[in-house]
Amino acid sequence: MSKENARLSHLLEKMSARYGDQDAEVLRLHEAVRHLALADAHIQAPLRYVGAPLFADRATRLAKFTPTVEQWG
Protein backbone atom coordinates (compact mmCIF):
# COMPACT_ATOMS: atom_id res chain seq x y z
CA MET A 1 0.00 0.00 0.00
CA SER A 2 1.42 3.34 -0.98
CA LYS A 3 1.81 6.20 1.45
CA GLU A 4 -0.89 8.12 -0.39
CA ASN A 5 -3.28 5.20 -0.24
CA ALA A 6 -2.62 4.70 3.48
CA ARG A 7 -3.28 8.38 4.16
CA LEU A 8 -6.55 8.33 2.21
CA SER A 9 -7.65 5.09 3.89
CA HIS A 10 -7.07 6.64 7.30
CA LEU A 11 -9.04 9.73 6.29
CA LEU A 12 -11.81 7.50 4.96
CA GLU A 13 -12.07 5.71 8.31
CA LYS A 14 -12.29 9.01 10.19
CA MET A 15 -14.87 10.47 7.83
CA SER A 16 -16.95 7.27 7.88
CA ALA A 17 -17.03 7.33 11.66
CA ARG A 18 -18.03 10.98 11.75
CA TYR A 19 -20.45 11.31 8.82
CA GLY A 20 -21.60 7.76 8.16
CA ASP A 21 -20.91 5.36 5.33
CA GLN A 22 -23.60 6.73 3.02
CA ASP A 23 -22.44 10.36 2.97
CA ALA A 24 -21.68 11.57 -0.58
CA GLU A 25 -18.16 12.76 0.27
CA VAL A 26 -17.39 9.49 2.05
CA LEU A 27 -18.60 7.50 -0.94
CA ARG A 28 -16.45 9.57 -3.31
CA LEU A 29 -13.43 9.14 -1.07
CA HIS A 30 -14.09 5.40 -0.90
CA GLU A 31 -14.07 5.23 -4.72
CA ALA A 32 -10.84 7.26 -4.84
CA VAL A 33 -9.17 4.88 -2.38
CA ARG A 34 -10.35 1.88 -4.39
CA HIS A 35 -9.07 3.32 -7.69
CA LEU A 36 -5.76 4.25 -6.09
CA ALA A 37 -5.39 0.72 -4.70
CA LEU A 38 -6.06 -0.74 -8.16
CA ALA A 39 -3.57 1.66 -9.72
CA ASP A 40 -0.96 0.74 -7.09
CA ALA A 41 -1.49 -2.95 -7.75
CA HIS A 42 -1.17 -2.40 -11.49
CA ILE A 43 2.01 -0.35 -11.10
CA GLN A 44 3.66 -2.62 -8.55
CA ALA A 45 2.96 -5.93 -10.28
CA PRO A 46 5.66 -5.54 -12.97
CA LEU A 47 8.20 -4.32 -10.40
CA ARG A 48 8.83 -7.90 -9.30
CA TYR A 49 10.72 -8.33 -12.55
CA VAL A 50 12.86 -5.21 -12.37
CA GLY A 51 16.09 -7.14 -12.81
CA ALA A 52 14.82 -9.16 -15.75
CA PRO A 53 15.90 -8.09 -19.22
CA LEU A 54 13.20 -6.76 -21.50
CA PHE A 55 12.81 -8.38 -24.89
CA ALA A 56 10.51 -7.49 -27.74
CA ASP A 57 9.62 -11.09 -28.47
CA ARG A 58 10.57 -14.70 -27.81
CA ALA A 59 12.85 -14.93 -30.85
CA THR A 60 14.94 -12.02 -29.59
CA ARG A 61 15.20 -13.63 -26.18
CA LEU A 62 16.32 -16.93 -27.70
CA ALA A 63 18.80 -15.21 -29.99
CA LYS A 64 20.39 -13.45 -27.04
CA PHE A 65 20.84 -16.56 -24.90
CA THR A 66 21.15 -19.47 -27.34
CA PRO A 67 24.84 -20.35 -27.63
CA THR A 68 26.23 -20.63 -31.12
CA VAL A 69 28.52 -23.39 -32.39
CA GLU A 70 31.53 -21.05 -32.14
CA GLN A 71 30.82 -20.40 -28.46
CA TRP A 72 30.81 -24.13 -27.71
CA GLY A 73 33.97 -24.51 -29.80
PDB file of N, CA and C in Angstrom:
ATOM      1  N   MET A   1       0.858  -1.171   0.000  1.00  0.00           N
ATOM      2  CA  MET A   1       0.000   0.000   0.000  1.00  0.00           C
ATOM      3  C   MET A   1       0.902   1.231   0.000  1.00  0.00           C
ATOM      4  N   SER A   2       0.618   2.129  -0.893  1.00  0.00           N
ATOM      5  CA  SER A   2       1.420   3.338  -0.982  1.00  0.00           C
ATOM      6  C   SER A   2       1.102   4.272   0.178  1.00  0.00           C
ATOM      7  N   LYS A   3       1.988   5.217   0.379  1.00  0.00           N
ATOM      8  CA  LYS A   3       1.812   6.198   1.453  1.00  0.00           C
ATOM      9  C   LYS A   3       0.532   7.008   1.228  1.00  0.00           C
ATOM     10  N   GLU A   4       0.311   7.358  -0.033  1.00  0.00           N
ATOM     11  CA  GLU A   4      -0.887   8.121  -0.392  1.00  0.00           C
ATOM     12  C   GLU A   4      -2.159   7.324  -0.093  1.00  0.00           C
ATOM     13  N   ASN A   5      -2.132   6.065  -0.459  1.00  0.00           N
ATOM     14  CA  ASN A   5      -3.283   5.204  -0.235  1.00  0.00           C
ATOM     15  C   ASN A   5      -3.537   5.018   1.256  1.00  0.00           C
ATOM     16  N   ALA A   6      -2.480   4.859   2.034  1.00  0.00           N
ATOM     17  CA  ALA A   6      -2.624   4.704   3.484  1.00  0.00           C
ATOM     18  C   ALA A   6      -3.225   5.965   4.102  1.00  0.00           C
ATOM     19  N   ARG A   7      -2.772   7.110   3.641  1.00  0.00           N
ATOM     20  CA  ARG A   7      -3.282   8.380   4.161  1.00  0.00           C
ATOM     21  C   ARG A   7      -4.771   8.543   3.839  1.00  0.00           C
ATOM     22  N   LEU A   8      -5.144   8.228   2.597  1.00  0.00           N
ATOM     23  CA  LEU A   8      -6.551   8.334   2.208  1.00  0.00           C
ATOM     24  C   LEU A   8      -7.421   7.309   2.930  1.00  0.00           C
ATOM     25  N   SER A   9      -6.890   6.116   3.155  1.00  0.00           N
ATOM     26  CA  SER A   9      -7.647   5.094   3.889  1.00  0.00           C
ATOM     27  C   SER A   9      -7.910   5.538   5.319  1.00  0.00           C
ATOM     28  N   HIS A  10      -6.904   6.138   5.935  1.00  0.00           N
ATOM     29  CA  HIS A  10      -7.066   6.642   7.302  1.00  0.00           C
ATOM     30  C   HIS A  10      -8.115   7.755   7.336  1.00  0.00           C
ATOM     31  N   LEU A  11      -8.050   8.656   6.372  1.00  0.00           N
ATOM     32  CA  LEU A  11      -9.037   9.730   6.285  1.00  0.00           C
ATOM     33  C   LEU A  11     -10.431   9.166   6.051  1.00  0.00           C
ATOM     34  N   LEU A  12     -10.526   8.139   5.227  1.00  0.00           N
ATOM     35  CA  LEU A  12     -11.811   7.496   4.960  1.00  0.00           C
ATOM     36  C   LEU A  12     -12.407   6.914   6.238  1.00  0.00           C
ATOM     37  N   GLU A  13     -11.589   6.263   7.050  1.00  0.00           N
ATOM     38  CA  GLU A  13     -12.073   5.706   8.315  1.00  0.00           C
ATOM     39  C   GLU A  13     -12.606   6.801   9.231  1.00  0.00           C
ATOM     40  N   LYS A  14     -11.865   7.899   9.331  1.00  0.00           N
ATOM     41  CA  LYS A  14     -12.290   9.008  10.194  1.00  0.00           C
ATOM     42  C   LYS A  14     -13.591   9.632   9.693  1.00  0.00           C
ATOM     43  N   MET A  15     -13.667   9.854   8.381  1.00  0.00           N
ATOM     44  CA  MET A  15     -14.874  10.470   7.825  1.00  0.00           C
ATOM     45  C   MET A  15     -16.073   9.538   7.933  1.00  0.00           C
ATOM     46  N   SER A  16     -15.855   8.235   7.746  1.00  0.00           N
ATOM     47  CA  SER A  16     -16.952   7.268   7.877  1.00  0.00           C
ATOM     48  C   SER A  16     -17.496   7.265   9.294  1.00  0.00           C
ATOM     49  N   ALA A  17     -16.601   7.325  10.264  1.00  0.00           N
ATOM     50  CA  ALA A  17     -17.029   7.334  11.663  1.00  0.00           C
ATOM     51  C   ALA A  17     -17.809   8.606  11.990  1.00  0.00           C
ATOM     52  N   ARG A  18     -17.394   9.707  11.419  1.00  0.00           N
ATOM     53  CA  ARG A  18     -18.030  10.985  11.752  1.00  0.00           C
ATOM     54  C   ARG A  18     -19.322  11.232  10.975  1.00  0.00           C
ATOM     55  N   TYR A  19     -19.305  10.956   9.664  1.00  0.00           N
ATOM     56  CA  TYR A  19     -20.447  11.314   8.815  1.00  0.00           C
ATOM     57  C   TYR A  19     -21.309  10.132   8.374  1.00  0.00           C
ATOM     58  N   GLY A  20     -20.837   8.934   8.586  1.00  0.00           N
ATOM     59  CA  GLY A  20     -21.600   7.757   8.161  1.00  0.00           C
ATOM     60  C   GLY A  20     -21.124   7.253   6.813  1.00  0.00           C
ATOM     61  N   ASP A  21     -21.402   5.996   6.556  1.00  0.00           N
ATOM     62  CA  ASP A  21     -20.909   5.358   5.332  1.00  0.00           C
ATOM     63  C   ASP A  21     -21.637   5.800   4.067  1.00  0.00           C
ATOM     64  N   GLN A  22     -22.817   6.366   4.194  1.00  0.00           N
ATOM     65  CA  GLN A  22     -23.604   6.726   3.015  1.00  0.00           C
ATOM     66  C   GLN A  22     -23.501   8.198   2.633  1.00  0.00           C
ATOM     67  N   ASP A  23     -22.647   8.959   3.307  1.00  0.00           N
ATOM     68  CA  ASP A  23     -22.438  10.361   2.969  1.00  0.00           C
ATOM     69  C   ASP A  23     -21.785  10.450   1.584  1.00  0.00           C
ATOM     70  N   ALA A  24     -22.177  11.448   0.802  1.00  0.00           N
ATOM     71  CA  ALA A  24     -21.685  11.574  -0.577  1.00  0.00           C
ATOM     72  C   ALA A  24     -20.167  11.736  -0.625  1.00  0.00           C
ATOM     73  N   GLU A  25     -19.612  12.556   0.251  1.00  0.00           N
ATOM     74  CA  GLU A  25     -18.162  12.758   0.269  1.00  0.00           C
ATOM     75  C   GLU A  25     -17.427  11.482   0.672  1.00  0.00           C
ATOM     76  N   VAL A  26     -17.996  10.753   1.614  1.00  0.00           N
ATOM     77  CA  VAL A  26     -17.394   9.492   2.053  1.00  0.00           C
ATOM     78  C   VAL A  26     -17.414   8.483   0.909  1.00  0.00           C
ATOM     79  N   LEU A  27     -18.513   8.423   0.185  1.00  0.00           N
ATOM     80  CA  LEU A  27     -18.604   7.498  -0.945  1.00  0.00           C
ATOM     81  C   LEU A  27     -17.603   7.851  -2.045  1.00  0.00           C
ATOM     82  N   ARG A  28     -17.436   9.146  -2.311  1.00  0.00           N
ATOM     83  CA  ARG A  28     -16.454   9.573  -3.315  1.00  0.00           C
ATOM     84  C   ARG A  28     -15.033   9.236  -2.870  1.00  0.00           C
ATOM     85  N   LEU A  29     -14.756   9.457  -1.587  1.00  0.00           N
ATOM     86  CA  LEU A  29     -13.430   9.135  -1.065  1.00  0.00           C
ATOM     87  C   LEU A  29     -13.182   7.626  -1.114  1.00  0.00           C
ATOM     88  N   HIS A  30     -14.216   6.856  -0.829  1.00  0.00           N
ATOM     89  CA  HIS A  30     -14.094   5.396  -0.901  1.00  0.00           C
ATOM     90  C   HIS A  30     -13.742   4.955  -2.325  1.00  0.00           C
ATOM     91  N   GLU A  31     -14.376   5.550  -3.319  1.00  0.00           N
ATOM     92  CA  GLU A  31     -14.069   5.234  -4.719  1.00  0.00           C
ATOM     93  C   GLU A  31     -12.637   5.641  -5.072  1.00  0.00           C
ATOM     94  N   ALA A  32     -12.208   6.803  -4.571  1.00  0.00           N
ATOM     95  CA  ALA A  32     -10.839   7.258  -4.845  1.00  0.00           C
ATOM     96  C   ALA A  32      -9.817   6.295  -4.247  1.00  0.00           C
ATOM     97  N   VAL A  33     -10.072   5.835  -3.033  1.00  0.00           N
ATOM     98  CA  VAL A  33      -9.167   4.881  -2.384  1.00  0.00           C
ATOM     99  C   VAL A  33      -9.132   3.577  -3.173  1.00  0.00           C
ATOM    100  N   ARG A  34     -10.287   3.125  -3.626  1.00  0.00           N
ATOM    101  CA  ARG A  34     -10.347   1.878  -4.388  1.00  0.00           C
ATOM    102  C   ARG A  34      -9.588   1.998  -5.714  1.00  0.00           C
ATOM    103  N   HIS A  35      -9.778   3.118  -6.417  1.00  0.00           N
ATOM    104  CA  HIS A  35      -9.073   3.325  -7.687  1.00  0.00           C
ATOM    105  C   HIS A  35      -7.568   3.441  -7.467  1.00  0.00           C
ATOM    106  N   LEU A  36      -7.177   4.112  -6.390  1.00  0.00           N
ATOM    107  CA  LEU A  36      -5.758   4.246  -6.090  1.00  0.00           C
ATOM    108  C   LEU A  36      -5.145   2.891  -5.755  1.00  0.00           C
ATOM    109  N   ALA A  37      -5.885   2.062  -5.028  1.00  0.00           N
ATOM    110  CA  ALA A  37      -5.393   0.717  -4.700  1.00  0.00           C
ATOM    111  C   ALA A  37      -5.227  -0.116  -5.967  1.00  0.00           C
ATOM    112  N   LEU A  38      -6.175  -0.003  -6.893  1.00  0.00           N
ATOM    113  CA  LEU A  38      -6.063  -0.735  -8.157  1.00  0.00           C
ATOM    114  C   LEU A  38      -4.880  -0.228  -8.977  1.00  0.00           C
ATOM    115  N   ALA A  39      -4.695   1.084  -8.983  1.00  0.00           N
ATOM    116  CA  ALA A  39      -3.570   1.663  -9.719  1.00  0.00           C
ATOM    117  C   ALA A  39      -2.247   1.223  -9.102  1.00  0.00           C
ATOM    118  N   ASP A  40      -2.173   1.203  -7.769  1.00  0.00           N
ATOM    119  CA  ASP A  40      -0.962   0.744  -7.090  1.00  0.00           C
ATOM    120  C   ASP A  40      -0.664  -0.702  -7.434  1.00  0.00           C
ATOM    121  N   ALA A  41      -1.687  -1.529  -7.435  1.00  0.00           N
ATOM    122  CA  ALA A  41      -1.493  -2.946  -7.752  1.00  0.00           C
ATOM    123  C   ALA A  41      -1.015  -3.113  -9.186  1.00  0.00           C
ATOM    124  N   HIS A  42      -1.564  -2.318 -10.080  1.00  0.00           N
ATOM    125  CA  HIS A  42      -1.167  -2.402 -11.488  1.00  0.00           C
ATOM    126  C   HIS A  42       0.276  -1.941 -11.675  1.00  0.00           C
ATOM    127  N   ILE A  43       0.653  -0.892 -10.975  1.00  0.00           N
ATOM    128  CA  ILE A  43       2.005  -0.349 -11.098  1.00  0.00           C
ATOM    129  C   ILE A  43       3.023  -1.273 -10.446  1.00  0.00           C
ATOM    130  N   GLN A  44       2.695  -1.832  -9.298  1.00  0.00           N
ATOM    131  CA  GLN A  44       3.661  -2.624  -8.550  1.00  0.00           C
ATOM    132  C   GLN A  44       3.830  -4.032  -9.090  1.00  0.00           C
ATOM    133  N   ALA A  45       2.861  -4.559  -9.795  1.00  0.00           N
ATOM    134  CA  ALA A  45       2.963  -5.929 -10.284  1.00  0.00           C
ATOM    135  C   ALA A  45       4.197  -6.149 -11.164  1.00  0.00           C
ATOM    136  N   PRO A  46       4.483  -5.306 -12.141  1.00  0.00           N
ATOM    137  CA  PRO A  46       5.662  -5.541 -12.967  1.00  0.00           C
ATOM    138  C   PRO A  46       6.983  -5.320 -12.231  1.00  0.00           C
ATOM    139  N   LEU A  47       6.963  -4.633 -11.092  1.00  0.00           N
ATOM    140  CA  LEU A  47       8.203  -4.324 -10.398  1.00  0.00           C
ATOM    141  C   LEU A  47       8.888  -5.562  -9.833  1.00  0.00           C
ATOM    142  N   ARG A  48       8.192  -6.671  -9.752  1.00  0.00           N
ATOM    143  CA  ARG A  48       8.826  -7.903  -9.297  1.00  0.00           C
ATOM    144  C   ARG A  48       9.897  -8.347 -10.278  1.00  0.00           C
ATOM    145  N   TYR A  49       9.813  -7.900 -11.508  1.00  0.00           N
ATOM    146  CA  TYR A  49      10.723  -8.330 -12.555  1.00  0.00           C
ATOM    147  C   TYR A  49      11.680  -7.217 -12.965  1.00  0.00           C
ATOM    148  N   VAL A  50      12.021  -6.349 -12.036  1.00  0.00           N
ATOM    149  CA  VAL A  50      12.862  -5.206 -12.365  1.00  0.00           C
ATOM    150  C   VAL A  50      14.211  -5.650 -12.918  1.00  0.00           C
ATOM    151  N   GLY A  51      14.782  -6.704 -12.364  1.00  0.00           N
ATOM    152  CA  GLY A  51      16.095  -7.145 -12.808  1.00  0.00           C
ATOM    153  C   GLY A  51      16.079  -7.947 -14.093  1.00  0.00           C
ATOM    154  N   ALA A  52      14.909  -8.331 -14.545  1.00  0.00           N
ATOM    155  CA  ALA A  52      14.816  -9.161 -15.746  1.00  0.00           C
ATOM    156  C   ALA A  52      15.009  -8.311 -16.996  1.00  0.00           C
ATOM    157  N   PRO A  53      15.733  -8.843 -17.975  1.00  0.00           N
ATOM    158  CA  PRO A  53      15.896  -8.089 -19.219  1.00  0.00           C
ATOM    159  C   PRO A  53      14.579  -8.016 -19.987  1.00  0.00           C
ATOM    160  N   LEU A  54      14.416  -6.950 -20.707  1.00  0.00           N
ATOM    161  CA  LEU A  54      13.199  -6.763 -21.496  1.00  0.00           C
ATOM    162  C   LEU A  54      13.485  -7.129 -22.946  1.00  0.00           C
ATOM    163  N   PHE A  55      12.648  -7.968 -23.512  1.00  0.00           N
ATOM    164  CA  PHE A  55      12.811  -8.381 -24.892  1.00  0.00           C
ATOM    165  C   PHE A  55      11.525  -8.115 -25.649  1.00  0.00           C
ATOM    166  N   ALA A  56      11.677  -7.789 -26.922  1.00  0.00           N
ATOM    167  CA  ALA A  56      10.512  -7.491 -27.741  1.00  0.00           C
ATOM    168  C   ALA A  56       9.686  -8.743 -28.008  1.00  0.00           C
ATOM    169  N   ASP A  57      10.350  -9.863 -28.184  1.00  0.00           N
ATOM    170  CA  ASP A  57       9.618 -11.093 -28.467  1.00  0.00           C
ATOM    171  C   ASP A  57      10.460 -12.303 -28.078  1.00  0.00           C
ATOM    172  N   ARG A  58       9.893 -13.467 -28.210  1.00  0.00           N
ATOM    173  CA  ARG A  58      10.569 -14.698 -27.814  1.00  0.00           C
ATOM    174  C   ARG A  58      11.802 -14.979 -28.678  1.00  0.00           C
ATOM    175  N   ALA A  59      11.711 -14.684 -29.957  1.00  0.00           N
ATOM    176  CA  ALA A  59      12.847 -14.929 -30.854  1.00  0.00           C
ATOM    177  C   ALA A  59      14.058 -14.105 -30.436  1.00  0.00           C
ATOM    178  N   THR A  60      13.838 -12.870 -30.044  1.00  0.00           N
ATOM    179  CA  THR A  60      14.942 -12.023 -29.591  1.00  0.00           C
ATOM    180  C   THR A  60      15.554 -12.602 -28.328  1.00  0.00           C
ATOM    181  N   ARG A  61      14.712 -13.054 -27.431  1.00  0.00           N
ATOM    182  CA  ARG A  61      15.198 -13.630 -26.180  1.00  0.00           C
ATOM    183  C   ARG A  61      16.046 -14.867 -26.466  1.00  0.00           C
ATOM    184  N   LEU A  62      15.568 -15.731 -27.358  1.00  0.00           N
ATOM    185  CA  LEU A  62      16.319 -16.935 -27.700  1.00  0.00           C
ATOM    186  C   LEU A  62      17.623 -16.596 -28.408  1.00  0.00           C
ATOM    187  N   ALA A  63      17.593 -15.610 -29.271  1.00  0.00           N
ATOM    188  CA  ALA A  63      18.802 -15.212 -29.985  1.00  0.00           C
ATOM    189  C   ALA A  63      19.855 -14.680 -29.023  1.00  0.00           C
ATOM    190  N   LYS A  64      19.437 -14.014 -27.990  1.00  0.00           N
ATOM    191  CA  LYS A  64      20.390 -13.452 -27.041  1.00  0.00           C
ATOM    192  C   LYS A  64      21.050 -14.532 -26.192  1.00  0.00           C
ATOM    193  N   PHE A  65      20.327 -15.594 -25.858  1.00  0.00           N
ATOM    194  CA  PHE A  65      20.841 -16.562 -24.902  1.00  0.00           C
ATOM    195  C   PHE A  65      21.102 -17.950 -25.464  1.00  0.00           C
ATOM    196  N   THR A  66      20.858 -18.171 -26.742  1.00  0.00           N
ATOM    197  CA  THR A  66      21.152 -19.468 -27.336  1.00  0.00           C
ATOM    198  C   THR A  66      22.605 -19.461 -27.797  1.00  0.00           C
ATOM    199  N   PRO A  67      23.431 -20.340 -27.232  1.00  0.00           N
ATOM    200  CA  PRO A  67      24.844 -20.345 -27.631  1.00  0.00           C
ATOM    201  C   PRO A  67      25.007 -20.814 -29.075  1.00  0.00           C
ATOM    202  N   THR A  68      25.948 -20.226 -29.744  1.00  0.00           N
ATOM    203  CA  THR A  68      26.234 -20.627 -31.123  1.00  0.00           C
ATOM    204  C   THR A  68      27.288 -21.725 -31.115  1.00  0.00           C
ATOM    205  N   VAL A  69      27.523 -22.328 -32.271  1.00  0.00           N
ATOM    206  CA  VAL A  69      28.520 -23.395 -32.388  1.00  0.00           C
ATOM    207  C   VAL A  69      29.906 -22.866 -32.021  1.00  0.00           C
ATOM    208  N   GLU A  70      30.216 -21.632 -32.434  1.00  0.00           N
ATOM    209  CA  GLU A  70      31.527 -21.046 -32.145  1.00  0.00           C
ATOM    210  C   GLU A  70      31.740 -20.894 -30.641  1.00  0.00           C
ATOM    211  N   GLN A  71      30.689 -20.578 -29.903  1.00  0.00           N
ATOM    212  CA  GLN A  71      30.823 -20.398 -28.459  1.00  0.00           C
ATOM    213  C   GLN A  71      31.089 -21.726 -27.764  1.00  0.00           C
ATOM    214  N   TRP A  72      30.578 -22.820 -28.323  1.00  0.00           N
ATOM    215  CA  TRP A  72      30.808 -24.131 -27.710  1.00  0.00           C
ATOM    216  C   TRP A  72      32.201 -24.644 -28.045  1.00  0.00           C
ATOM    217  N   GLY A  73      32.749 -24.173 -29.185  1.00  0.00           N
ATOM    218  CA  GLY A  73      33.968 -24.506 -29.805  1.00  0.00           C
ATOM    219  C   GLY A  73      34.988 -25.262 -29.185  1.00  0.00           C
TER     220      GLY A  73
END
